[in-house]
Amino acid sequence: MALPDDGKSYTPTGHAIKSWLMGDHAIATSKALFELSLYTGEILTDLFGEDSYFADAGQF
């Protein structure tokens, strides 16, 4: 929360926030080549529940 107040630090905005929070490895569940019910890892959704992503790109 202090990043916007720090003039020396980069503060992501817009679509860059998702990339920054997810480590630039956001893989949409719509890209899965398997049934999502078989996936045992965590799935994240956006604020409105419209899009979902695998929380762990390595486990994907």
PDB file of N, CA and C in Angstrom:
ATOM      1  N   MET A   1       0.815  -1.193   0.000  1.00  0.00           N
ATOM      2  CA  MET A   1       0.000   0.000   0.000  1.00  0.00           C
ATOM      3  C   MET A   1       0.860   1.259   0.000  1.00  0.00           C
ATOM      4  N   ALA A   2       2.104   1.123   0.387  1.00  0.00           N
ATOM      5  CA  ALA A   2       2.983   2.284   0.436  1.00  0.00           C
ATOM      6  C   ALA A   2       3.628   2.586  -0.918  1.00  0.00           C
ATOM      7  N   LEU A   3       3.556   1.668  -1.863  1.00  0.00           N
ATOM      8  CA  LEU A   3       4.213   1.887  -3.155  1.00  0.00           C
ATOM      9  C   LEU A   3       3.777   3.159  -3.864  1.00  0.00           C
ATOM     10  N   PRO A   4       2.484   3.477  -3.932  1.00  0.00           N
ATOM     11  CA  PRO A   4       2.101   4.705  -4.638  1.00  0.00           C
ATOM     12  C   PRO A   4       2.694   5.979  -4.033  1.00  0.00           C
ATOM     13  N   ASP A   5       2.977   5.947  -2.739  1.00  0.00           N
ATOM     14  CA  ASP A   5       3.530   7.123  -2.067  1.00  0.00           C
ATOM     15  C   ASP A   5       5.044   7.220  -2.206  1.00  0.00           C
ATOM     16  N   ASP A   6       5.683   6.132  -2.621  1.00  0.00           N
ATOM     17  CA  ASP A   6       7.134   6.104  -2.765  1.00  0.00           C
ATOM     18  C   ASP A   6       7.489   6.459  -4.203  1.00  0.00           C
ATOM     19  N   GLY A   7       8.061   7.613  -4.413  1.00  0.00           N
ATOM     20  CA  GLY A   7       8.382   8.089  -5.751  1.00  0.00           C
ATOM     21  C   GLY A   7       9.482   7.305  -6.447  1.00  0.00           C
ATOM     22  N   LYS A   8      10.224   6.464  -5.710  1.00  0.00           N
ATOM     23  CA  LYS A   8      11.326   5.702  -6.288  1.00  0.00           C
ATOM     24  C   LYS A   8      10.904   4.304  -6.739  1.00  0.00           C
ATOM     25  N   SER A   9       9.788   3.809  -6.246  1.00  0.00           N
ATOM     26  CA  SER A   9       9.351   2.448  -6.547  1.00  0.00           C
ATOM     27  C   SER A   9       8.351   2.427  -7.689  1.00  0.00           C
ATOM     28  N   TYR A  10       8.378   1.333  -8.444  1.00  0.00           N
ATOM     29  CA  TYR A  10       7.424   1.127  -9.532  1.00  0.00           C
ATOM     30  C   TYR A  10       6.092   0.677  -8.953  1.00  0.00           C
ATOM     31  N   THR A  11       5.029   1.304  -9.360  1.00  0.00           N
ATOM     32  CA  THR A  11       3.690   0.926  -8.929  1.00  0.00           C
ATOM     33  C   THR A  11       2.900   0.469 -10.146  1.00  0.00           C
ATOM     34  N   PRO A  12       2.562  -0.820 -10.221  1.00  0.00           N
ATOM     35  CA  PRO A  12       1.798  -1.296 -11.373  1.00  0.00           C
ATOM     36  C   PRO A  12       0.373  -0.773 -11.349  1.00  0.00           C
ATOM     37  N   THR A  13      -0.182  -0.558 -12.531  1.00  0.00           N
ATOM     38  CA  THR A  13      -1.562  -0.113 -12.651  1.00  0.00           C
ATOM     39  C   THR A  13      -2.245  -0.920 -13.752  1.00  0.00           C
ATOM     40  N   GLY A  14      -3.553  -0.896 -13.771  1.00  0.00           N
ATOM     41  CA  GLY A  14      -4.320  -1.553 -14.828  1.00  0.00           C
ATOM     42  C   GLY A  14      -4.050  -3.037 -14.916  1.00  0.00           C
ATOM     43  N   HIS A  15      -3.861  -3.533 -16.144  1.00  0.00           N
ATOM     44  CA  HIS A  15      -3.627  -4.958 -16.358  1.00  0.00           C
ATOM     45  C   HIS A  15      -2.306  -5.424 -15.765  1.00  0.00           C
ATOM     46  N   ALA A  16      -1.372  -4.517 -15.556  1.00  0.00           N
ATOM     47  CA  ALA A  16      -0.077  -4.890 -14.991  1.00  0.00           C
ATOM     48  C   ALA A  16      -0.201  -5.359 -13.546  1.00  0.00           C
ATOM     49  N   ILE A  17      -1.253  -4.957 -12.861  1.00  0.00           N
ATOM     50  CA  ILE A  17      -1.440  -5.382 -11.468  1.00  0.00           C
ATOM     51  C   ILE A  17      -1.618  -6.897 -11.405  1.00  0.00           C
ATOM     52  N   LYS A  18      -2.452  -7.464 -12.274  1.00  0.00           N
ATOM     53  CA  LYS A  18      -2.677  -8.913 -12.279  1.00  0.00           C
ATOM     54  C   LYS A  18      -1.359  -9.637 -12.541  1.00  0.00           C
ATOM     55  N   SER A  19      -0.609  -9.173 -13.507  1.00  0.00           N
ATOM     56  CA  SER A  19       0.660  -9.793 -13.839  1.00  0.00           C
ATOM     57  C   SER A  19       1.624  -9.700 -12.654  1.00  0.00           C
ATOM     58  N   TRP A  20       1.650  -8.569 -11.990  1.00  0.00           N
ATOM     59  CA  TRP A  20       2.535  -8.355 -10.855  1.00  0.00           C
ATOM     60  C   TRP A  20       2.138  -9.257  -9.685  1.00  0.00           C
ATOM     61  N   LEU A  21       0.866  -9.366  -9.394  1.00  0.00           N
ATOM     62  CA  LEU A  21       0.399 -10.179  -8.276  1.00  0.00           C
ATOM     63  C   LEU A  21       0.573 -11.675  -8.522  1.00  0.00           C
ATOM     64  N   MET A  22       0.399 -12.105  -9.754  1.00  0.00           N
ATOM     65  CA  MET A  22       0.459 -13.528 -10.067  1.00  0.00           C
ATOM     66  C   MET A  22       1.834 -13.951 -10.571  1.00  0.00           C
ATOM     67  N   GLY A  23       2.815 -13.092 -10.457  1.00  0.00           N
ATOM     68  CA  GLY A  23       4.163 -13.449 -10.853  1.00  0.00           C
ATOM     69  C   GLY A  23       4.335 -13.602 -12.352  1.00  0.00           C
ATOM     70  N   ASP A  24       3.495 -12.948 -13.113  1.00  0.00           N
ATOM     71  CA  ASP A  24       3.567 -12.951 -14.575  1.00  0.00           C
ATOM     72  C   ASP A  24       3.326 -14.338 -15.167  1.00  0.00           C
ATOM     73  N   HIS A  25       2.623 -15.194 -14.420  1.00  0.00           N
ATOM     74  CA  HIS A  25       2.337 -16.546 -14.875  1.00  0.00           C
ATOM     75  C   HIS A  25       0.844 -16.843 -14.774  1.00  0.00           C
ATOM     76  N   ALA A  26       0.024 -15.942 -15.183  1.00  0.00           N
ATOM     77  CA  ALA A  26      -1.419 -16.147 -15.099  1.00  0.00           C
ATOM     78  C   ALA A  26      -1.865 -17.066 -16.239  1.00  0.00           C
ATOM     79  N   ILE A  27      -2.318 -18.262 -15.884  1.00  0.00           N
ATOM     80  CA  ILE A  27      -2.801 -19.207 -16.875  1.00  0.00           C
ATOM     81  C   ILE A  27      -4.299 -19.360 -16.671  1.00  0.00           C
ATOM     82  N   ALA A  28      -5.058 -18.950 -17.648  1.00  0.00           N
ATOM     83  CA  ALA A  28      -6.514 -19.006 -17.556  1.00  0.00           C
ATOM     84  C   ALA A  28      -6.992 -20.456 -17.560  1.00  0.00           C
ATOM     85  N   THR A  29      -7.991 -20.748 -16.744  1.00  0.00           N
ATOM     86  CA  THR A  29      -8.535 -22.109 -16.697  1.00  0.00           C
ATOM     87  C   THR A  29      -9.192 -22.486 -18.017  1.00  0.00           C
ATOM     88  N   SER A  30      -9.567 -21.511 -18.802  1.00  0.00           N
ATOM     89  CA  SER A  30     -10.174 -21.797 -20.101  1.00  0.00           C
ATOM     90  C   SER A  30      -9.176 -22.428 -21.069  1.00  0.00           C
ATOM     91  N   LYS A  31      -7.892 -22.364 -20.757  1.00  0.00           N
ATOM     92  CA  LYS A  31      -6.845 -22.946 -21.600  1.00  0.00           C
ATOM     93  C   LYS A  31      -6.519 -24.386 -21.225  1.00  0.00           C
ATOM     94  N   ALA A  32      -7.118 -24.902 -20.170  1.00  0.00           N
ATOM     95  CA  ALA A  32      -6.820 -26.258 -19.699  1.00  0.00           C
ATOM     96  C   ALA A  32      -7.247 -27.300 -20.723  1.00  0.00           C
ATOM     97  N   LEU A  33      -6.421 -28.321 -20.882  1.00  0.00           N
ATOM     98  CA  LEU A  33      -6.720 -29.423 -21.789  1.00  0.00           C
ATOM     99  C   LEU A  33      -7.266 -30.628 -21.016  1.00  0.00           C
ATOM    100  N   PHE A  34      -7.726 -30.381 -19.800  1.00  0.00           N
ATOM    101  CA  PHE A  34      -8.243 -31.433 -18.938  1.00  0.00           C
ATOM    102  C   PHE A  34      -9.466 -30.911 -18.189  1.00  0.00           C
ATOM    103  N   GLU A  35     -10.194 -31.815 -17.572  1.00  0.00           N
ATOM    104  CA  GLU A  35     -11.363 -31.428 -16.775  1.00  0.00           C
ATOM    105  C   GLU A  35     -10.902 -30.683 -15.526  1.00  0.00           C
ATOM    106  N   LEU A  36     -11.484 -29.537 -15.258  1.00  0.00           N
ATOM    107  CA  LEU A  36     -11.084 -28.759 -14.084  1.00  0.00           C
ATOM    108  C   LEU A  36     -11.363 -29.504 -12.785  1.00  0.00           C
ATOM    109  N   SER A  37     -12.317 -30.413 -12.790  1.00  0.00           N
ATOM    110  CA  SER A  37     -12.627 -31.187 -11.581  1.00  0.00           C
ATOM    111  C   SER A  37     -11.457 -32.092 -11.188  1.00  0.00           C
ATOM    112  N   LEU A  38     -10.553 -32.405 -12.122  1.00  0.00           N
ATOM    113  CA  LEU A  38      -9.394 -33.244 -11.835  1.00  0.00           C
ATOM    114  C   LEU A  38      -8.236 -32.448 -11.230  1.00  0.00           C
ATOM    115  N   TYR A  39      -8.291 -31.141 -11.327  1.00  0.00           N
ATOM    116  CA  TYR A  39      -7.220 -30.278 -10.822  1.00  0.00           C
ATOM    117  C   TYR A  39      -7.372 -30.124  -9.316  1.00  0.00           C
ATOM    118  N   THR A  40      -6.327 -30.474  -8.565  1.00  0.00           N
ATOM    119  CA  THR A  40      -6.411 -30.435  -7.101  1.00  0.00           C
ATOM    120  C   THR A  40      -5.871 -29.141  -6.511  1.00  0.00           C
ATOM    121  N   GLY A  41      -5.264 -28.296  -7.336  1.00  0.00           N
ATOM    122  CA  GLY A  41      -4.714 -27.040  -6.837  1.00  0.00           C
ATOM    123  C   GLY A  41      -5.773 -25.958  -6.704  1.00  0.00           C
ATOM    124  N   GLU A  42      -5.317 -24.807  -6.280  1.00  0.00           N
ATOM    125  CA  GLU A  42      -6.212 -23.665  -6.072  1.00  0.00           C
ATOM    126  C   GLU A  42      -6.474 -22.931  -7.380  1.00  0.00           C
ATOM    127  N   ILE A  43      -7.689 -22.465  -7.549  1.00  0.00           N
ATOM    128  CA  ILE A  43      -8.078 -21.669  -8.708  1.00  0.00           C
ATOM    129  C   ILE A  43      -8.529 -20.304  -8.209  1.00  0.00           C
ATOM    130  N   LEU A  44      -7.986 -19.263  -8.804  1.00  0.00           N
ATOM    131  CA  LEU A  44      -8.326 -17.887  -8.441  1.00  0.00           C
ATOM    132  C   LEU A  44      -9.316 -17.325  -9.444  1.00  0.00           C
ATOM    133  N   THR A  45     -10.198 -16.464  -8.989  1.00  0.00           N
ATOM    134  CA  THR A  45     -11.133 -15.798  -9.882  1.00  0.00           C
ATOM    135  C   THR A  45     -10.951 -14.295  -9.751  1.00  0.00           C
ATOM    136  N   ASP A  46     -11.393 -13.567 -10.780  1.00  0.00           N
ATOM    137  CA  ASP A  46     -11.313 -12.114 -10.710  1.00  0.00           C
ATOM    138  C   ASP A  46     -12.437 -11.590  -9.819  1.00  0.00           C
ATOM    139  N   LEU A  47     -12.456 -10.316  -9.637  1.00  0.00           N
ATOM    140  CA  LEU A  47     -13.412  -9.674  -8.734  1.00  0.00           C
ATOM    141  C   LEU A  47     -14.858 -10.004  -9.072  1.00  0.00           C
ATOM    142  N   PHE A  48     -15.166 -10.140 -10.343  1.00  0.00           N
ATOM    143  CA  PHE A  48     -16.540 -10.367 -10.767  1.00  0.00           C
ATOM    144  C   PHE A  48     -16.840 -11.836 -11.039  1.00  0.00           C
ATOM    145  N   GLY A  49     -15.850 -12.718 -10.894  1.00  0.00           N
ATOM    146  CA  GLY A  49     -16.046 -14.138 -11.122  1.00  0.00           C
ATOM    147  C   GLY A  49     -16.175 -14.511 -12.589  1.00  0.00           C
ATOM    148  N   GLU A  50     -15.791 -13.620 -13.464  1.00  0.00           N
ATOM    149  CA  GLU A  50     -15.903 -13.878 -14.900  1.00  0.00           C
ATOM    150  C   GLU A  50     -14.741 -14.704 -15.429  1.00  0.00           C
ATOM    151  N   ASP A  51     -13.550 -14.468 -14.932  1.00  0.00           N
ATOM    152  CA  ASP A  51     -12.351 -15.164 -15.383  1.00  0.00           C
ATOM    153  C   ASP A  51     -11.740 -15.906 -14.205  1.00  0.00           C
ATOM    154  N   SER A  52     -11.150 -17.064 -14.473  1.00  0.00           N
ATOM    155  CA  SER A  52     -10.472 -17.808 -13.413  1.00  0.00           C
ATOM    156  C   SER A  52      -9.104 -18.251 -13.902  1.00  0.00           C
ATOM    157  N   TYR A  53      -8.195 -18.411 -12.958  1.00  0.00           N
ATOM    158  CA  TYR A  53      -6.797 -18.687 -13.250  1.00  0.00           C
ATOM    159  C   TYR A  53      -6.259 -19.734 -12.285  1.00  0.00           C
ATOM    160  N   PHE A  54      -5.289 -20.511 -12.747  1.00  0.00           N
ATOM    161  CA  PHE A  54      -4.623 -21.455 -11.873  1.00  0.00           C
ATOM    162  C   PHE A  54      -3.686 -20.687 -10.959  1.00  0.00           C
ATOM    163  N   ALA A  55      -3.768 -20.931  -9.648  1.00  0.00           N
ATOM    164  CA  ALA A  55      -2.962 -20.189  -8.685  1.00  0.00           C
ATOM    165  C   ALA A  55      -1.491 -20.576  -8.759  1.00  0.00           C
ATOM    166  N   ASP A  56      -1.194 -21.815  -9.132  1.00  0.00           N
ATOM    167  CA  ASP A  56       0.165 -22.308  -9.171  1.00  0.00           C
ATOM    168  C   ASP A  56       0.503 -22.765 -10.583  1.00  0.00           C
ATOM    169  N   ALA A  57       1.228 -21.929 -11.315  1.00  0.00           N
ATOM    170  CA  ALA A  57       1.558 -22.255 -12.707  1.00  0.00           C
ATOM    171  C   ALA A  57       2.422 -23.504 -12.780  1.00  0.00           C
ATOM    172  N   GLY A  58       3.263 -23.750 -11.772  1.00  0.00           N
ATOM    173  CA  GLY A  58       4.106 -24.935 -11.748  1.00  0.00           C
ATOM    174  C   GLY A  58       3.297 -26.205 -11.607  1.00  0.00           C
ATOM    175  N   GLN A  59       2.275 -26.181 -10.788  1.00  0.00           N
ATOM    176  CA  GLN A  59       1.429 -27.361 -10.600  1.00  0.00           C
ATOM    177  C   GLN A  59       0.564 -27.598 -11.844  1.00  0.00           C
ATOM    178  N   PHE A  60       0.202 -26.529 -12.528  1.00  0.00           N
ATOM    179  CA  PHE A  60      -0.583 -26.657 -13.756  1.00  0.00           C
ATOM    180  C   PHE A  60       0.170 -27.527 -14.731  1.00  0.00           C
TER     181      PHE A  60
END
